[in-house]
Protein backbone atom coordinates (compact mmCIF):
# COMPACT_ATOMS: atom_id res chain seq x y z
CA MET A 1 108.20 98.20 94.52
CA GLN A 2 106.06 95.17 94.86
CA TYR A 3 106.67 91.54 93.75
CA LEU A 4 103.69 89.75 92.15
CA THR A 5 102.79 86.17 91.51
CA LEU A 6 101.76 85.23 87.94
CA GLU A 7 98.07 85.20 89.01
CA GLN A 8 98.44 88.67 90.63
CA THR A 9 100.20 89.92 87.46
CA ALA A 10 97.35 88.66 85.28
CA ASP A 11 94.79 90.33 87.49
CA TYR A 12 96.73 93.61 87.62
CA LEU A 13 97.21 93.83 83.87
CA GLU A 14 93.57 92.88 83.16
CA ALA A 15 92.41 95.97 85.06
CA ALA A 16 95.17 98.25 83.71
CA THR A 17 95.48 100.51 80.68
CA ILE A 18 98.74 99.75 78.97
CA GLU A 19 100.28 102.82 77.28
CA ALA A 20 103.56 101.22 76.14
CA THR A 21 105.16 97.73 76.03
CA HIS A 22 108.78 96.99 75.40
CA ASP A 23 110.04 93.42 74.83
CA ALA A 24 113.74 93.25 75.77
CA GLY A 25 114.01 89.48 74.93
CA TYR A 26 114.60 88.50 78.55
CA ALA A 27 111.95 90.74 80.08
CA ILE A 28 108.76 92.58 79.03
CA VAL A 29 108.14 96.05 80.45
CA HIS A 30 104.64 97.51 80.57
CA ILE A 31 103.98 101.15 81.29
CA GLY A 32 100.52 102.53 81.92
CA ARG A 33 97.80 103.28 84.43
CA ASN A 34 96.30 100.78 86.90
CA ALA A 35 92.67 100.50 87.98
CA ALA A 36 93.15 103.34 90.53
CA ASP A 37 94.49 105.48 87.64
CA THR A 38 98.02 105.42 89.17
CA ARG A 39 100.94 105.35 86.70
CA PHE A 40 103.01 102.16 86.91
CA VAL A 41 105.94 100.27 85.39
CA LEU A 42 105.65 96.50 85.49
CA VAL A 43 108.52 94.18 84.58
CA ASN A 44 108.04 90.48 83.90
CA ASP A 45 111.24 88.46 83.24
CA ALA A 46 111.88 85.21 81.42
CA LEU A 47 111.65 83.26 84.70
CA GLY A 48 108.11 84.48 85.35
CA GLN A 49 109.14 86.88 88.11
CA THR A 50 107.23 90.17 88.19
CA VAL A 51 107.86 93.50 89.91
CA VAL A 52 105.68 96.62 89.68
CA THR A 53 106.47 100.17 90.74
CA GLU A 54 103.69 102.75 91.04
CA SER A 55 103.99 106.55 91.23
CA LEU A 56 102.60 108.33 94.28
């Protein structure tokens, strides 16, 4: 699990392929593949905090 700044989040998502997005009202969850073709789950909450988890 890795915490990202808003700038890092923007760069990460720009290079990623998003397969699904879920808006829970207080958080947005993106699921997809990053630039290295690794599956990930990225959660961005209403406070602008972001965490990403990648599969190995």
